[in-house]
C-alpha atoms as a PDB file:
ATOM      1  CA  MET A   1     -14.830  -0.607 -28.859  1.00  0.00           C
ATOM      2  CA  THR A   2     -12.065  -3.047 -27.797  1.00  0.00           C
ATOM      3  CA  VAL A   3     -12.633  -5.753 -25.101  1.00  0.00           C
ATOM      4  CA  ARG A   4     -10.536  -3.699 -22.634  1.00  0.00           C
ATOM      5  CA  GLY A   5     -12.443  -0.673 -23.436  1.00  0.00           C
ATOM      6  CA  LEU A   6     -15.801  -2.415 -22.879  1.00  0.00           C
ATOM      7  CA  ILE A   7     -14.631  -3.878 -19.557  1.00  0.00           C
ATOM      8  CA  SER A   8     -13.460  -0.469 -18.468  1.00  0.00           C
ATOM      9  CA  SER A   9     -16.795   1.113 -19.358  1.00  0.00           C
ATOM     10  CA  ILE A  10     -18.610  -1.547 -17.317  1.00  0.00           C
ATOM     11  CA  THR A  11     -16.448  -1.335 -14.194  1.00  0.00           C
ATOM     12  CA  GLN A  12     -16.605   2.485 -14.187  1.00  0.00           C
ATOM     13  CA  GLN A  13     -20.378   2.313 -13.431  1.00  0.00           C
ATOM     14  CA  GLU A  14     -20.125   2.837  -9.662  1.00  0.00           C
ATOM     15  CA  ASP A  15     -22.972   0.650  -8.611  1.00  0.00           C
ATOM     16  CA  LEU A  16     -21.811  -2.342 -10.703  1.00  0.00           C
ATOM     17  CA  ASN A  17     -18.165  -1.869  -9.680  1.00  0.00           C
ATOM     18  CA  PHE A  18     -19.073  -1.892  -6.008  1.00  0.00           C
ATOM     19  CA  LEU A  19     -21.315  -4.877  -6.548  1.00  0.00           C
ATOM     20  CA  LEU A  20     -18.516  -6.918  -8.375  1.00  0.00           C
ATOM     21  CA  THR A  21     -15.767  -6.004  -5.930  1.00  0.00           C
ATOM     22  CA  ASN A  22     -17.390  -5.745  -2.535  1.00  0.00           C
ATOM     23  CA  ARG A  23     -20.746  -7.628  -2.390  1.00  0.00           C
ATOM     24  CA  ILE A  24     -19.202 -11.007  -2.776  1.00  0.00           C
ATOM     25  CA  PRO A  25     -17.666 -13.313  -0.109  1.00  0.00           C
ATOM     26  CA  ARG A  26     -14.517 -11.037   0.182  1.00  0.00           C
ATOM     27  CA  ALA A  27     -12.606 -13.189   2.630  1.00  0.00           C
ATOM     28  CA  ALA A  28     -13.257 -16.423   0.878  1.00  0.00           C
ATOM     29  CA  VAL A  29     -12.492 -14.898  -2.623  1.00  0.00           C
ATOM     30  CA  THR A  30      -9.214 -13.539  -1.208  1.00  0.00           C
ATOM     31  CA  ARG A  31      -8.207 -16.843   0.252  1.00  0.00           C
ATOM     32  CA  PHE A  32      -8.907 -18.511  -2.992  1.00  0.00           C
ATOM     33  CA  MET A  33      -6.734 -16.015  -4.934  1.00  0.00           C
ATOM     34  CA  GLY A  34      -3.880 -16.526  -2.392  1.00  0.00           C
ATOM     35  CA  TRP A  35      -4.053 -20.284  -3.320  1.00  0.00           C
ATOM     36  CA  PHE A  36      -4.812 -19.854  -7.100  1.00  0.00           C
ATOM     37  CA  SER A  37      -2.035 -17.335  -7.821  1.00  0.00           C
ATOM     38  CA  LYS A  38       0.542 -19.681  -6.598  1.00  0.00           C
ATOM     39  CA  ILE A  39      -0.236 -22.538  -9.041  1.00  0.00           C
ATOM     40  CA  GLU A  40       2.863 -23.216 -11.026  1.00  0.00           C
ATOM     41  CA  ASN A  41       1.219 -24.381 -14.212  1.00  0.00           C
ATOM     42  CA  PRO A  42       2.192 -22.812 -17.473  1.00  0.00           C
ATOM     43  CA  ILE A  43      -1.435 -22.806 -18.934  1.00  0.00           C
ATOM     44  CA  VAL A  44      -2.932 -21.451 -15.720  1.00  0.00           C
ATOM     45  CA  ARG A  45      -0.197 -18.822 -15.481  1.00  0.00           C
ATOM     46  CA  ASP A  46      -0.478 -17.669 -19.152  1.00  0.00           C
ATOM     47  CA  LEU A  47      -4.293 -17.473 -19.035  1.00  0.00           C
ATOM     48  CA  SER A  48      -4.319 -15.682 -15.744  1.00  0.00           C
ATOM     49  CA  ILE A  49      -1.830 -12.988 -17.010  1.00  0.00           C
ATOM     50  CA  ALA A  50      -3.779 -12.657 -20.245  1.00  0.00           C
ATOM     51  CA  CYS A  51      -7.013 -12.112 -18.293  1.00  0.00           C
ATOM     52  CA  TRP A  52      -5.246  -9.625 -15.995  1.00  0.00           C
ATOM     53  CA  ARG A  53      -4.067  -7.686 -19.078  1.00  0.00           C
ATOM     54  CA  LEU A  54      -7.655  -7.300 -20.235  1.00  0.00           C
ATOM     55  CA  PHE A  55      -8.753  -5.721 -16.995  1.00  0.00           C
ATOM     56  CA  SER A  56      -5.808  -3.366 -16.535  1.00  0.00           C
ATOM     57  CA  ASP A  57      -2.911  -1.580 -18.009  1.00  0.00           C
ATOM     58  CA  LEU A  58      -0.436  -4.201 -16.943  1.00  0.00           C
ATOM     59  CA  ASP A  59       3.081  -3.304 -18.329  1.00  0.00           C
ATOM     60  CA  LEU A  60       5.915  -5.891 -17.769  1.00  0.00           C
ATOM     61  CA  SER A  61       8.379  -4.115 -19.707  1.00  0.00           C
ATOM     62  CA  GLU A  62      10.308  -3.033 -16.522  1.00  0.00           C
ATOM     63  CA  ALA A  63      10.311  -6.475 -15.006  1.00  0.00           C
ATOM     64  CA  LYS A  64      13.666  -7.980 -14.015  1.00  0.00           C
ATOM     65  CA  LYS A  65      12.748 -11.226 -15.773  1.00  0.00           C
ATOM     66  CA  THR A  66      10.440 -12.012 -18.638  1.00  0.00           C
ATOM     67  CA  GLU A  67       9.192 -15.531 -17.656  1.00  0.00           C
ATOM     68  CA  PHE A  68       7.174 -16.101 -14.372  1.00  0.00           C
ATOM     69  CA  LYS A  69       6.478 -19.314 -12.539  1.00  0.00           C
ATOM     70  CA  SER A  70       3.035 -18.268 -11.616  1.00  0.00           C
ATOM     71  CA  LEU A  71       0.477 -15.336 -11.323  1.00  0.00           C
ATOM     72  CA  HIS A  72       1.897 -14.730  -7.860  1.00  0.00           C
ATOM     73  CA  ASP A  73       5.478 -14.499  -9.210  1.00  0.00           C
ATOM     74  CA  CYS A  74       4.236 -12.022 -11.635  1.00  0.00           C
ATOM     75  CA  PHE A  75       2.378  -9.949  -8.946  1.00  0.00           C
ATOM     76  CA  THR A  76       5.386  -9.684  -6.838  1.00  0.00           C
ATOM     77  CA  ARG A  77       7.839  -9.175  -9.672  1.00  0.00           C
ATOM     78  CA  GLU A  78      11.191  -7.335  -9.100  1.00  0.00           C
ATOM     79  CA  LEU A  79      12.063  -4.474 -11.476  1.00  0.00           C
ATOM     80  CA  ARG A  80      15.410  -4.227 -13.326  1.00  0.00           C
ATOM     81  CA  PRO A  81      18.111  -2.479 -11.205  1.00  0.00           C
ATOM     82  CA  GLY A  82      18.266   1.275 -11.254  1.00  0.00           C
ATOM     83  CA  LEU A  83      14.614   1.900 -12.481  1.00  0.00           C
ATOM     84  CA  ARG A  84      13.460   3.465  -9.171  1.00  0.00           C
ATOM     85  CA  PRO A  85      16.251   5.675  -7.823  1.00  0.00           C
ATOM     86  CA  PHE A  86      15.492   7.263  -4.480  1.00  0.00           C
ATOM     87  CA  ASP A  87      15.806  11.004  -3.885  1.00  0.00           C
ATOM     88  CA  PRO A  88      19.262  11.343  -2.210  1.00  0.00           C
ATOM     89  CA  ASP A  89      18.438  14.516  -0.303  1.00  0.00           C
ATOM     90  CA  PRO A  90      18.442  13.488   3.591  1.00  0.00           C
ATOM     91  CA  ALA A  91      15.763  16.013   4.217  1.00  0.00           C
ATOM     92  CA  VAL A  92      13.361  14.363   1.836  1.00  0.00           C
ATOM     93  CA  ILE A  93      10.925  11.518   2.638  1.00  0.00           C
ATOM     94  CA  ALA A  94      10.339   9.555  -0.569  1.00  0.00           C
ATOM     95  CA  SER A  95       7.362   7.524  -1.756  1.00  0.00           C
ATOM     96  CA  PRO A  96       7.758   3.841  -0.560  1.00  0.00           C
ATOM     97  CA  SER A  97       6.045   2.684  -3.543  1.00  0.00           C
ATOM     98  CA  ASP A  98       4.573   3.220  -7.097  1.00  0.00           C
ATOM     99  CA  ALA A  99       1.097   4.723  -6.409  1.00  0.00           C
ATOM    100  CA  ILE A 100      -1.686   7.037  -7.153  1.00  0.00           C
ATOM    101  CA  ILE A 101      -1.810   9.963  -4.599  1.00  0.00           C
ATOM    102  CA  GLY A 102      -5.178  10.009  -2.599  1.00  0.00           C
ATOM    103  CA  ALA A 103      -6.261  12.023   0.379  1.00  0.00           C
ATOM    104  CA  HIS A 104      -3.384  13.984   2.088  1.00  0.00           C
ATOM    105  CA  GLY A 105      -2.925  17.024   4.252  1.00  0.00           C
ATOM    106  CA  ARG A 106      -2.600  18.010   7.996  1.00  0.00           C
ATOM    107  CA  ILE A 107      -3.960  15.663  10.593  1.00  0.00           C
ATOM    108  CA  GLU A 108      -6.561  17.780  12.447  1.00  0.00           C
ATOM    109  CA  ASP A 109      -5.665  17.043  15.949  1.00  0.00           C
ATOM    110  CA  THR A 110      -6.155  13.249  15.465  1.00  0.00           C
ATOM    111  CA  LYS A 111      -8.566  13.224  12.615  1.00  0.00           C
ATOM    112  CA  LEU A 112      -7.573  12.502   8.933  1.00  0.00           C
ATOM    113  CA  PHE A 113      -9.579  11.762   5.826  1.00  0.00           C
ATOM    114  CA  GLN A 114      -9.998   8.761   3.384  1.00  0.00           C
ATOM    115  CA  ILE A 115     -11.558  11.103   0.898  1.00  0.00           C
ATOM    116  CA  LYS A 116     -12.884  14.728   1.294  1.00  0.00           C
ATOM    117  CA  GLY A 117     -15.713  14.746   3.765  1.00  0.00           C
ATOM    118  CA  ALA A 118     -14.999  11.217   5.016  1.00  0.00           C
ATOM    119  CA  PRO A 119     -12.985  11.402   8.210  1.00  0.00           C
ATOM    120  CA  TYR A 120     -11.615   8.818  10.387  1.00  0.00           C
ATOM    121  CA  ALA A 121      -9.768   8.710  13.792  1.00  0.00           C
ATOM    122  CA  LEU A 122      -6.095   8.166  13.984  1.00  0.00           C
ATOM    123  CA  LEU A 123      -6.686   5.863  17.032  1.00  0.00           C
ATOM    124  CA  ASP A 124      -8.944   3.692  14.953  1.00  0.00           C
ATOM    125  CA  LEU A 125      -6.304   3.278  12.292  1.00  0.00           C
ATOM    126  CA  LEU A 126      -3.255   2.627  14.667  1.00  0.00           C
ATOM    127  CA  GLY A 127      -4.817   1.065  17.719  1.00  0.00           C
ATOM    128  CA  ASP A 128      -2.050   2.623  19.868  1.00  0.00           C
ATOM    129  CA  PRO A 129      -2.648   5.749  21.905  1.00  0.00           C
ATOM    130  CA  ALA A 130       1.122   6.444  22.370  1.00  0.00           C
ATOM    131  CA  LEU A 131       1.603   6.468  18.577  1.00  0.00           C
ATOM    132  CA  VAL A 132      -1.327   8.638  18.019  1.00  0.00           C
ATOM    133  CA  GLU A 133       0.329  11.283  20.245  1.00  0.00           C
ATOM    134  CA  ARG A 134       3.444  11.069  18.135  1.00  0.00           C
ATOM    135  CA  HIS A 135       1.399  12.153  15.097  1.00  0.00           C
ATOM    136  CA  ARG A 136      -1.056  14.552  16.487  1.00  0.00           C
ATOM    137  CA  ASN A 137      -1.408  17.494  14.233  1.00  0.00           C
ATOM    138  CA  GLY A 138       1.035  15.918  11.862  1.00  0.00           C
ATOM    139  CA  ARG A 139       0.831  15.140   8.162  1.00  0.00           C
ATOM    140  CA  PHE A 140      -0.577  12.161   6.280  1.00  0.00           C
ATOM    141  CA  ILE A 141      -0.606  10.950   2.687  1.00  0.00           C
ATOM    142  CA  THR A 142      -2.557   8.026   1.224  1.00  0.00           C
ATOM    143  CA  LEU A 143      -0.869   6.060  -1.651  1.00  0.00           C
ATOM    144  CA  ARG A 144      -3.079   3.725  -3.587  1.00  0.00           C
ATOM    145  CA  LEU A 145      -1.406   0.855  -5.504  1.00  0.00           C
ATOM    146  CA  THR A 146      -3.488  -0.497  -8.480  1.00  0.00           C
ATOM    147  CA  SER A 147      -3.397  -4.142  -9.329  1.00  0.00           C
ATOM    148  CA  SER A 148      -1.149  -3.652 -12.342  1.00  0.00           C
ATOM    149  CA  MET A 149       1.578  -1.604 -10.506  1.00  0.00           C
ATOM    150  CA  TYR A 150       4.800  -2.803  -9.097  1.00  0.00           C
ATOM    151  CA  HIS A 151       3.730  -4.222  -5.602  1.00  0.00           C
ATOM    152  CA  ARG A 152       6.918  -3.935  -3.664  1.00  0.00           C
ATOM    153  CA  PHE A 153       7.517  -1.193  -1.093  1.00  0.00           C
ATOM    154  CA  HIS A 154      10.715   0.272   0.204  1.00  0.00           C
ATOM    155  CA  ALA A 155      12.135   2.404   3.054  1.00  0.00           C
ATOM    156  CA  PRO A 156      11.126   6.097   2.250  1.00  0.00           C
ATOM    157  CA  ALA A 157      14.114   7.343   4.358  1.00  0.00           C
ATOM    158  CA  ASP A 158      17.102   6.121   6.440  1.00  0.00           C
ATOM    159  CA  CYS A 159      15.352   4.873   9.521  1.00  0.00           C
ATOM    160  CA  ARG A 160      15.024   2.268  12.234  1.00  0.00           C
ATOM    161  CA  ILE A 161      11.814   0.139  12.443  1.00  0.00           C
ATOM    162  CA  GLU A 162      11.071  -0.382  16.092  1.00  0.00           C
ATOM    163  CA  LYS A 163       7.795  -2.290  16.146  1.00  0.00           C
ATOM    164  CA  VAL A 164       5.233  -3.769  13.796  1.00  0.00           C
ATOM    165  CA  THR A 165       1.536  -4.386  14.861  1.00  0.00           C
ATOM    166  CA  PHE A 166      -0.631  -6.568  12.521  1.00  0.00           C
ATOM    167  CA  ILE A 167      -4.378  -5.740  12.976  1.00  0.00           C
ATOM    168  CA  HIS A 168      -6.781  -8.313  11.761  1.00  0.00           C
ATOM    169  CA  GLY A 169      -9.714  -7.093   9.709  1.00  0.00           C
ATOM    170  CA  ASP A 170     -11.957  -7.121   6.558  1.00  0.00           C
ATOM    171  CA  VAL A 171     -10.765  -7.043   2.926  1.00  0.00           C
ATOM    172  CA  TRP A 172     -12.866  -4.266   1.342  1.00  0.00           C
ATOM    173  CA  ASN A 173     -11.731  -3.003  -2.032  1.00  0.00           C
ATOM    174  CA  VAL A 174      -9.791   0.323  -1.485  1.00  0.00           C
ATOM    175  CA  ASN A 175     -10.611   1.986  -4.812  1.00  0.00           C
ATOM    176  CA  PRO A 176     -12.193   5.559  -4.796  1.00  0.00           C
ATOM    177  CA  ILE A 177     -15.703   4.057  -5.297  1.00  0.00           C
ATOM    178  CA  ALA A 178     -15.599   1.962  -2.162  1.00  0.00           C
ATOM    179  CA  LEU A 179     -13.857   4.797  -0.134  1.00  0.00           C
ATOM    180  CA  LYS A 180     -16.859   7.116  -1.006  1.00  0.00           C
ATOM    181  CA  ARG A 181     -19.310   4.278   0.302  1.00  0.00           C
ATOM    182  CA  VAL A 182     -17.605   2.653   3.264  1.00  0.00           C
ATOM    183  CA  GLU A 183     -16.911   4.728   6.241  1.00  0.00           C
ATOM    184  CA  ARG A 184     -13.652   4.377   8.042  1.00  0.00           C
ATOM    185  CA  LEU A 185     -12.604   1.813   5.490  1.00  0.00           C
ATOM    186  CA  PHE A 186      -8.949   1.608   6.286  1.00  0.00           C
ATOM    187  CA  CYS A 187      -9.837   1.095   9.946  1.00  0.00           C
ATOM    188  CA  LYS A 188     -11.800  -1.876   9.076  1.00  0.00           C
ATOM    189  CA  ASN A 189      -9.287  -3.626   6.684  1.00  0.00           C
ATOM    190  CA  GLU A 190      -6.368  -5.885   7.629  1.00  0.00           C
ATOM    191  CA  ARG A 191      -3.200  -3.840   8.079  1.00  0.00           C
ATOM    192  CA  ALA A 192       0.249  -3.649   9.421  1.00  0.00           C
ATOM    193  CA  VAL A 193       1.520  -0.577  11.524  1.00  0.00           C
ATOM    194  CA  LEU A 194       5.222  -0.180  10.954  1.00  0.00           C
ATOM    195  CA  GLN A 195       6.581   2.292  13.682  1.00  0.00           C
ATOM    196  CA  ALA A 196       9.880   3.643  12.734  1.00  0.00           C
ATOM    197  CA  ARG A 197      12.186   6.632  13.584  1.00  0.00           C
ATOM    198  CA  LEU A 198      14.242   8.625  11.212  1.00  0.00           C
ATOM    199  CA  ALA A 199      17.946   8.997  11.533  1.00  0.00           C
ATOM    200  CA  THR A 200      17.260  12.496  12.961  1.00  0.00           C
ATOM    201  CA  GLY A 201      14.941  11.103  15.658  1.00  0.00           C
ATOM    202  CA  GLU A 202      11.439  12.057  14.348  1.00  0.00           C
ATOM    203  CA  PRO A 203       8.700   9.365  14.187  1.00  0.00           C
ATOM    204  CA  LEU A 204       7.734   7.926  10.724  1.00  0.00           C
ATOM    205  CA  THR A 205       4.826   5.496  10.441  1.00  0.00           C
ATOM    206  CA  LEU A 206       3.885   3.259   7.530  1.00  0.00           C
ATOM    207  CA  VAL A 207       0.516   1.599   7.340  1.00  0.00           C
ATOM    208  CA  PRO A 208       0.196  -0.909   4.539  1.00  0.00           C
ATOM    209  CA  VAL A 209      -3.558  -1.812   4.345  1.00  0.00           C
ATOM    210  CA  ALA A 210      -4.607  -4.937   2.606  1.00  0.00           C
ATOM    211  CA  ALA A 211      -7.818  -5.350   0.358  1.00  0.00           C
ATOM    212  CA  ILE A 212      -9.705  -7.766  -1.589  1.00  0.00           C
ATOM    213  CA  LEU A 213      -7.537 -10.307  -3.354  1.00  0.00           C
ATOM    214  CA  VAL A 214      -4.502  -9.220  -1.241  1.00  0.00           C
ATOM    215  CA  ALA A 215      -3.599 -12.607   0.284  1.00  0.00           C
ATOM    216  CA  SER A 216      -0.783 -11.251   2.393  1.00  0.00           C
ATOM    217  CA  ILE A 217       1.660  -8.590   3.277  1.00  0.00           C
ATOM    218  CA  ARG A 218       5.248  -9.721   3.304  1.00  0.00           C
ATOM    219  CA  LEU A 219       7.859  -8.086   5.536  1.00  0.00           C
ATOM    220  CA  HIS A 220      11.317  -9.042   4.829  1.00  0.00           C
ATOM    221  CA  PHE A 221      12.981  -7.630   8.095  1.00  0.00           C
ATOM    222  CA  LEU A 222      10.559  -9.820  10.069  1.00  0.00           C
ATOM    223  CA  ASN A 223      10.869 -12.729   7.696  1.00  0.00           C
ATOM    224  CA  ARG A 224       7.195 -13.036   8.020  1.00  0.00           C
ATOM    225  CA  THR A 225       4.067 -13.128   5.833  1.00  0.00           C
ATOM    226  CA  LEU A 226       1.103 -11.490   7.602  1.00  0.00           C
ATOM    227  CA  ASN A 227      -2.506 -12.380   6.576  1.00  0.00           C
ATOM    228  CA  ALA A 228      -5.734 -13.817   7.872  1.00  0.00           C
ATOM    229  CA  GLN A 229      -3.980 -17.021   8.861  1.00  0.00           C
ATOM    230  CA  THR A 230      -1.564 -15.284  11.047  1.00  0.00           C
ATOM    231  CA  ARG A 231      -1.728 -16.648  14.683  1.00  0.00           C
ATOM    232  CA  GLY A 232      -0.265 -15.930  17.960  1.00  0.00           C
ATOM    233  CA  PRO A 233       1.328 -12.672  18.847  1.00  0.00           C
ATOM    234  CA  VAL A 234       0.340  -9.717  16.533  1.00  0.00           C
ATOM    235  CA  THR A 235       2.853  -7.267  17.874  1.00  0.00           C
ATOM    236  CA  PHE A 236       6.516  -7.764  16.829  1.00  0.00           C
ATOM    237  CA  PRO A 237       9.131  -5.635  18.604  1.00  0.00           C
ATOM    238  CA  CYS A 238      12.173  -5.192  16.349  1.00  0.00           C
ATOM    239  CA  ASP A 239      15.171  -3.195  15.816  1.00  0.00           C
ATOM    240  CA  ALA A 240      15.589  -3.229  12.104  1.00  0.00           C
ATOM    241  CA  SER A 241      17.831  -0.597  10.423  1.00  0.00           C
ATOM    242  CA  ALA A 242      16.887   0.432   6.920  1.00  0.00           C
ATOM    243  CA  THR A 243      18.589   2.614   4.335  1.00  0.00           C
ATOM    244  CA  LYS A 244      16.463   4.820   2.098  1.00  0.00           C
ATOM    245  CA  GLY A 245      15.480   2.696  -0.899  1.00  0.00           C
ATOM    246  CA  ASP A 246      15.812  -0.704   0.807  1.00  0.00           C
ATOM    247  CA  GLU A 247      13.041  -3.096  -0.050  1.00  0.00           C
ATOM    248  CA  LEU A 248      10.746  -3.681   3.047  1.00  0.00           C
ATOM    249  CA  GLY A 249       8.312  -6.077   1.562  1.00  0.00           C
ATOM    250  CA  TRP A 250       5.507  -6.522  -0.917  1.00  0.00           C
ATOM    251  CA  PHE A 251       1.631  -6.861  -1.338  1.00  0.00           C
ATOM    252  CA  GLU A 252       0.252  -9.762  -3.239  1.00  0.00           C
ATOM    253  CA  HIS A 253      -2.067  -7.457  -5.266  1.00  0.00           C
ATOM    254  CA  GLY A 254      -2.808  -3.876  -5.256  1.00  0.00           C
ATOM    255  CA  SER A 255      -3.620  -2.055  -2.078  1.00  0.00           C
ATOM    256  CA  THR A 256      -2.743   1.127   0.068  1.00  0.00           C
ATOM    257  CA  ILE A 257       0.024   2.623   2.122  1.00  0.00           C
ATOM    258  CA  ILE A 258      -0.712   5.540   4.540  1.00  0.00           C
ATOM    259  CA  VAL A 259       2.410   7.489   5.387  1.00  0.00           C
ATOM    260  CA  LEU A 260       2.351   9.618   8.759  1.00  0.00           C
ATOM    261  CA  THR A 261       4.965  12.161   9.719  1.00  0.00           C
ATOM    262  CA  PRO A 262       5.325  15.050  12.249  1.00  0.00           C
ATOM    263  CA  ASP A 263       3.927  18.437  11.612  1.00  0.00           C
ATOM    264  CA  ARG A 264       7.231  20.077  10.748  1.00  0.00           C
ATOM    265  CA  PHE A 265       7.440  18.256   7.402  1.00  0.00           C
ATOM    266  CA  GLU A 266       5.933  19.777   4.375  1.00  0.00           C
ATOM    267  CA  PHE A 267       4.607  18.233   1.155  1.00  0.00           C
ATOM    268  CA  CYS A 268       6.860  18.406  -1.887  1.00  0.00           C
ATOM    269  CA  GLU A 269       5.659  20.313  -4.918  1.00  0.00           C
ATOM    270  CA  ASN A 270       4.726  17.151  -6.900  1.00  0.00           C
ATOM    271  CA  VAL A 271       2.204  16.019  -4.470  1.00  0.00           C
ATOM    272  CA  ALA A 272      -1.376  16.536  -5.823  1.00  0.00           C
ATOM    273  CA  ASP A 273      -4.701  14.616  -5.718  1.00  0.00           C
ATOM    274  CA  GLY A 274      -4.818  11.862  -8.327  1.00  0.00           C
ATOM    275  CA  ALA A 275      -1.058  12.280  -9.437  1.00  0.00           C
ATOM    276  CA  ARG A 276       0.879   9.193 -10.209  1.00  0.00           C
ATOM    277  CA  ILE A 277       4.065   8.738  -8.385  1.00  0.00           C
ATOM    278  CA  ARG A 278       6.867   6.367  -8.452  1.00  0.00           C
ATOM    279  CA  ALA A 279       8.799   4.715  -5.507  1.00  0.00           C
ATOM    280  CA  GLY A 280      11.832   7.061  -4.692  1.00  0.00           C
ATOM    281  CA  GLU A 281      10.082  10.230  -5.793  1.00  0.00           C
ATOM    282  CA  PRO A 282       9.811  12.990  -3.066  1.00  0.00           C
ATOM    283  CA  LEU A 283       6.703  13.194  -0.733  1.00  0.00           C
ATOM    284  CA  PHE A 284       7.735  15.295   2.159  1.00  0.00           C
ATOM    285  CA  ARG A 285      10.503  17.617   2.942  1.00  0.00           C
ATOM    286  CA  LYS A 286      11.984  18.757   6.291  1.00  0.00           C
ATOM    287  CA  PRO A 287      12.524  22.480   6.183  1.00  0.00           C
ATOM    288  CA  ALA A 288      15.980  23.686   7.268  1.00  0.00           C
ATOM    289  CA  ALA A 289      16.129  24.594  10.940  1.00  0.00           C
END
């Protein structure tokens, strides 16, 4: 058995995986990773990336550049132009990121699910009763980014971002093992709520959820990095126009994005539990009037 195979076998044991990724000082480890990943030392960089390859299926063949200044520079890498074309159909809401599709479906009044049989309330996730009303009985999809994936996320449609709310919280791992064991996990972790409207007027909400080792969420249109050290106002009114495919920001490790739409949108045929999806591929379609 290869070293990677042995590591994979060990980490797939649920009790051990949960212990190693959650029963540790999560916030302290995350702060440390935020500092460590930015060390611009060739030896530290090369050893870190080599270790990362052992634990994952990291593939840098699509990266825009082949040399990185630091582990952080590698985490937040750009891709070569043209590798993530966005579906041009204006009726389609595309995936904002590379991801594995998790729980998705209709919001039952204001209840949605992190996995089957594990509900949570939309108000607990968003913290805004008015926004909850916009998505009552709507649709949701959970997109999980693994550590080895491309970490940047993009506008899933032509839209105008009206408001961002940053919600302080914990940094639980968001892998399927933790989702089975930690109730309302997404409502406990740090997250940003991006309120937007489509060009046709319907609400669209993206909720990037941070996780262990995610030192921050970068939002370009605010020119801010949001993390545990964010102080002062946590609500940011804005009026930022985004064209489908525009880069909105990045995570500094793997994490999750929850996408919320009104009820008239339908899931596209490629949406299925556990399916891998790339940024730009279709998620929702608005039926013709």
